[in-house]
Amino acid sequence: PLPLPNPTPPQRAGADIDVHCIDKSTEAHVAPPASVLPFQGEGRSMRTDAAAGSTTLVEPREAALDTGAPTTSIQLRMADGLRKVLKLNHTHTVGQLRAHVATLTPAARPFEIAIPMPRAKLTDDAQTLAEAGLLNNTVVVTML
């Protein structure tokens, strides 16, 4: 048998103790009131307001490849860990890359794209991939 907790130790070793049990098996169970309420406060984002407003949603569309023009491979590292290699032309723009990435991300979810080393956000959508230094490079996609 398991030892019972002893709230009042006996005066001497080997002394008898009295244990009183109350049978409540016939009573209906009443749940105790909830002492802890779920979170009811205001949530706060860890990103700055500037970062929240800097990204606009993009119309998703796949980039068309011109096989006669010079091509490059860009590895995308998606926020969920998926890696995808895109074949694009040197003349494709960062905006076209962003629109293609939008086809691979959840609908209407803002994201940003950046190069990992040194970490730099790609914000100029008019730049070509060659001008942005993305030829045969990796692009990291971060969900906001």
C-alpha atoms as a PDB file:
ATOM      1  CA  PRO A   1       0.000   0.000   0.000  1.00  0.00           C
ATOM      2  CA  LEU A   2       1.029   3.575  -0.647  1.00  0.00           C
ATOM      3  CA  PRO A   3       1.965   5.682   2.349  1.00  0.00           C
ATOM      4  CA  LEU A   4      -0.512   8.406   3.213  1.00  0.00           C
ATOM      5  CA  PRO A   5       0.661  11.966   3.693  1.00  0.00           C
ATOM      6  CA  ASN A   6       0.938  12.735   7.360  1.00  0.00           C
ATOM      7  CA  PRO A   7      -0.221  16.300   8.190  1.00  0.00           C
ATOM      8  CA  THR A   8       0.383  15.836  11.926  1.00  0.00           C
ATOM      9  CA  PRO A   9       3.178  13.445  12.793  1.00  0.00           C
ATOM     10  CA  PRO A  10       2.547  11.161  15.776  1.00  0.00           C
ATOM     11  CA  GLN A  11       4.110  12.132  19.086  1.00  0.00           C
ATOM     12  CA  ARG A  12       6.121   8.972  19.304  1.00  0.00           C
ATOM     13  CA  ALA A  13       7.104   6.220  16.923  1.00  0.00           C
ATOM     14  CA  GLY A  14       4.631   3.373  16.637  1.00  0.00           C
ATOM     15  CA  ALA A  15       1.685   5.424  17.996  1.00  0.00           C
ATOM     16  CA  ASP A  16      -1.777   4.750  16.584  1.00  0.00           C
ATOM     17  CA  ILE A  17      -3.436   7.367  14.390  1.00  0.00           C
ATOM     18  CA  ASP A  18      -7.070   7.848  13.421  1.00  0.00           C
ATOM     19  CA  VAL A  19      -8.070   8.199   9.762  1.00  0.00           C
ATOM     20  CA  HIS A  20     -11.588   9.419   8.965  1.00  0.00           C
ATOM     21  CA  CYS A  21     -13.021   8.935   5.442  1.00  0.00           C
ATOM     22  CA  ILE A  22     -16.130  10.689   4.168  1.00  0.00           C
ATOM     23  CA  ASP A  23     -18.117   8.854   1.480  1.00  0.00           C
ATOM     24  CA  LYS A  24     -19.158  11.367  -1.194  1.00  0.00           C
ATOM     25  CA  SER A  25     -19.714   8.833  -3.967  1.00  0.00           C
ATOM     26  CA  THR A  26     -23.480   9.476  -3.959  1.00  0.00           C
ATOM     27  CA  GLU A  27     -23.102  13.252  -4.472  1.00  0.00           C
ATOM     28  CA  ALA A  28     -23.079  14.796  -7.955  1.00  0.00           C
ATOM     29  CA  HIS A  29     -19.738  16.202  -9.058  1.00  0.00           C
ATOM     30  CA  VAL A  30     -19.542  19.996  -9.153  1.00  0.00           C
ATOM     31  CA  ALA A  31     -16.646  21.381 -11.188  1.00  0.00           C
ATOM     32  CA  PRO A  32     -14.651  24.111  -9.472  1.00  0.00           C
ATOM     33  CA  PRO A  33     -14.916  27.595 -10.994  1.00  0.00           C
ATOM     34  CA  ALA A  34     -12.302  28.459 -13.588  1.00  0.00           C
ATOM     35  CA  SER A  35      -9.617  30.455 -11.848  1.00  0.00           C
ATOM     36  CA  VAL A  36      -7.559  31.216 -14.970  1.00  0.00           C
ATOM     37  CA  LEU A  37      -9.106  32.937 -17.980  1.00  0.00           C
ATOM     38  CA  PRO A  38      -7.598  32.693 -21.466  1.00  0.00           C
ATOM     39  CA  PHE A  39      -5.553  35.640 -22.729  1.00  0.00           C
ATOM     40  CA  GLN A  40      -7.825  38.628 -23.272  1.00  0.00           C
ATOM     41  CA  GLY A  41      -5.268  41.400 -23.802  1.00  0.00           C
ATOM     42  CA  GLU A  42      -4.266  43.248 -26.917  1.00  0.00           C
ATOM     43  CA  GLY A  43      -1.733  41.501 -29.138  1.00  0.00           C
ATOM     44  CA  ARG A  44       1.403  43.290 -30.286  1.00  0.00           C
ATOM     45  CA  SER A  45       3.529  42.572 -33.309  1.00  0.00           C
ATOM     46  CA  MET A  46       7.291  42.271 -32.924  1.00  0.00           C
ATOM     47  CA  ARG A  47       7.995  43.932 -36.265  1.00  0.00           C
ATOM     48  CA  THR A  48       8.180  47.679 -36.643  1.00  0.00           C
ATOM     49  CA  ASP A  49       5.421  49.682 -38.288  1.00  0.00           C
ATOM     50  CA  ALA A  50       7.836  50.629 -41.055  1.00  0.00           C
ATOM     51  CA  ALA A  51       8.368  46.962 -41.940  1.00  0.00           C
ATOM     52  CA  ALA A  52       4.640  46.298 -41.863  1.00  0.00           C
ATOM     53  CA  GLY A  53       3.874  49.010 -44.412  1.00  0.00           C
ATOM     54  CA  SER A  54       6.871  48.455 -46.709  1.00  0.00           C
ATOM     55  CA  THR A  55       5.499  45.375 -48.449  1.00  0.00           C
ATOM     56  CA  THR A  56       2.568  45.445 -50.810  1.00  0.00           C
ATOM     57  CA  LEU A  57       0.685  42.434 -52.049  1.00  0.00           C
ATOM     58  CA  VAL A  58       1.655  41.331 -55.536  1.00  0.00           C
ATOM     59  CA  GLU A  59      -0.534  39.852 -58.260  1.00  0.00           C
ATOM     60  CA  PRO A  60       0.741  36.249 -58.554  1.00  0.00           C
ATOM     61  CA  ARG A  61       1.925  35.238 -62.032  1.00  0.00           C
ATOM     62  CA  GLU A  62       4.604  32.883 -63.280  1.00  0.00           C
ATOM     63  CA  ALA A  63       7.582  34.312 -65.117  1.00  0.00           C
ATOM     64  CA  ALA A  64       7.877  33.228 -68.766  1.00  0.00           C
ATOM     65  CA  LEU A  65      11.311  31.984 -69.847  1.00  0.00           C
ATOM     66  CA  ASP A  66      12.842  33.112 -73.161  1.00  0.00           C
ATOM     67  CA  THR A  67      15.096  30.174 -74.084  1.00  0.00           C
ATOM     68  CA  GLY A  68      16.982  32.291 -76.678  1.00  0.00           C
ATOM     69  CA  ALA A  69      18.164  34.812 -74.070  1.00  0.00           C
ATOM     70  CA  PRO A  70      20.794  34.200 -71.363  1.00  0.00           C
ATOM     71  CA  THR A  71      19.355  32.281 -68.396  1.00  0.00           C
ATOM     72  CA  THR A  72      20.221  31.885 -64.744  1.00  0.00           C
ATOM     73  CA  SER A  73      19.144  29.630 -61.906  1.00  0.00           C
ATOM     74  CA  ILE A  74      17.838  31.128 -58.671  1.00  0.00           C
ATOM     75  CA  GLN A  75      17.240  28.940 -55.648  1.00  0.00           C
ATOM     76  CA  LEU A  76      14.283  30.015 -53.522  1.00  0.00           C
ATOM     77  CA  ARG A  77      14.319  29.135 -49.827  1.00  0.00           C
ATOM     78  CA  MET A  78      10.687  29.421 -48.812  1.00  0.00           C
ATOM     79  CA  ALA A  79       9.542  30.285 -45.284  1.00  0.00           C
ATOM     80  CA  ASP A  80       8.198  26.730 -44.770  1.00  0.00           C
ATOM     81  CA  GLY A  81      11.600  25.177 -45.593  1.00  0.00           C
ATOM     82  CA  LEU A  82      10.748  24.234 -49.195  1.00  0.00           C
ATOM     83  CA  ARG A  83      13.521  24.842 -51.718  1.00  0.00           C
ATOM     84  CA  LYS A  84      12.728  25.497 -55.348  1.00  0.00           C
ATOM     85  CA  VAL A  85      15.037  26.320 -58.265  1.00  0.00           C
ATOM     86  CA  LEU A  86      13.754  28.816 -60.840  1.00  0.00           C
ATOM     87  CA  LYS A  87      15.130  29.222 -64.363  1.00  0.00           C
ATOM     88  CA  LEU A  88      14.845  32.896 -65.352  1.00  0.00           C
ATOM     89  CA  ASN A  89      16.388  35.280 -67.864  1.00  0.00           C
ATOM     90  CA  HIS A  90      18.963  37.872 -66.885  1.00  0.00           C
ATOM     91  CA  THR A  91      16.503  40.547 -68.012  1.00  0.00           C
ATOM     92  CA  HIS A  92      13.686  39.467 -65.676  1.00  0.00           C
ATOM     93  CA  THR A  93      13.079  42.040 -62.953  1.00  0.00           C
ATOM     94  CA  VAL A  94      12.913  41.699 -59.197  1.00  0.00           C
ATOM     95  CA  GLY A  95       9.206  42.569 -59.542  1.00  0.00           C
ATOM     96  CA  GLN A  96       8.671  39.603 -61.871  1.00  0.00           C
ATOM     97  CA  LEU A  97      10.552  37.369 -59.435  1.00  0.00           C
ATOM     98  CA  ARG A  98       8.345  38.662 -56.601  1.00  0.00           C
ATOM     99  CA  ALA A  99       5.194  37.949 -58.671  1.00  0.00           C
ATOM    100  CA  HIS A 100       6.425  34.403 -59.368  1.00  0.00           C
ATOM    101  CA  VAL A 101       7.152  33.845 -55.654  1.00  0.00           C
ATOM    102  CA  ALA A 102       3.576  34.999 -54.936  1.00  0.00           C
ATOM    103  CA  THR A 103       2.326  31.944 -56.876  1.00  0.00           C
ATOM    104  CA  LEU A 104       4.200  29.724 -54.402  1.00  0.00           C
ATOM    105  CA  THR A 105       3.038  31.392 -51.165  1.00  0.00           C
ATOM    106  CA  PRO A 106      -0.336  31.351 -49.376  1.00  0.00           C
ATOM    107  CA  ALA A 107      -2.885  33.677 -50.964  1.00  0.00           C
ATOM    108  CA  ALA A 108      -2.989  37.307 -49.814  1.00  0.00           C
ATOM    109  CA  ARG A 109      -0.124  36.811 -47.367  1.00  0.00           C
ATOM    110  CA  PRO A 110       2.557  39.497 -47.450  1.00  0.00           C
ATOM    111  CA  PHE A 111       6.179  38.421 -47.758  1.00  0.00           C
ATOM    112  CA  GLU A 112       9.575  39.890 -48.447  1.00  0.00           C
ATOM    113  CA  ILE A 113      12.445  38.549 -50.483  1.00  0.00           C
ATOM    114  CA  ALA A 114      16.130  38.983 -49.661  1.00  0.00           C
ATOM    115  CA  ILE A 115      19.558  37.616 -50.429  1.00  0.00           C
ATOM    116  CA  PRO A 116      21.040  35.741 -47.472  1.00  0.00           C
ATOM    117  CA  MET A 117      24.755  36.730 -47.530  1.00  0.00           C
ATOM    118  CA  PRO A 118      25.078  39.590 -46.784  1.00  0.00           C
ATOM    119  CA  ARG A 119      21.427  39.854 -45.780  1.00  0.00           C
ATOM    120  CA  ALA A 120      19.792  42.496 -47.972  1.00  0.00           C
ATOM    121  CA  LYS A 121      16.115  42.996 -48.778  1.00  0.00           C
ATOM    122  CA  LEU A 122      15.175  43.233 -52.444  1.00  0.00           C
ATOM    123  CA  THR A 123      12.986  46.347 -52.610  1.00  0.00           C
ATOM    124  CA  ASP A 124      13.593  47.815 -56.090  1.00  0.00           C
ATOM    125  CA  ASP A 125      11.171  45.909 -58.309  1.00  0.00           C
ATOM    126  CA  ALA A 126      12.454  47.653 -61.460  1.00  0.00           C
ATOM    127  CA  GLN A 127      15.987  46.206 -61.161  1.00  0.00           C
ATOM    128  CA  THR A 128      16.873  43.318 -63.430  1.00  0.00           C
ATOM    129  CA  LEU A 129      18.186  40.135 -61.872  1.00  0.00           C
ATOM    130  CA  ALA A 130      21.655  40.953 -63.213  1.00  0.00           C
ATOM    131  CA  GLU A 131      21.577  44.477 -61.729  1.00  0.00           C
ATOM    132  CA  ALA A 132      20.414  43.113 -58.356  1.00  0.00           C
ATOM    133  CA  GLY A 133      23.256  40.560 -58.274  1.00  0.00           C
ATOM    134  CA  LEU A 134      20.899  37.583 -58.298  1.00  0.00           C
ATOM    135  CA  LEU A 135      22.453  35.576 -61.124  1.00  0.00           C
ATOM    136  CA  ASN A 136      22.975  31.995 -59.876  1.00  0.00           C
ATOM    137  CA  ASN A 137      22.169  33.131 -56.342  1.00  0.00           C
ATOM    138  CA  THR A 138      19.806  32.184 -53.497  1.00  0.00           C
ATOM    139  CA  VAL A 139      16.751  34.210 -52.489  1.00  0.00           C
ATOM    140  CA  VAL A 140      15.168  33.835 -49.051  1.00  0.00           C
ATOM    141  CA  VAL A 141      11.389  34.306 -48.747  1.00  0.00           C
ATOM    142  CA  THR A 142      10.186  35.534 -45.347  1.00  0.00           C
ATOM    143  CA  MET A 143       6.486  35.708 -44.455  1.00  0.00           C
ATOM    144  CA  LEU A 144       5.402  38.869 -42.664  1.00  0.00           C
END
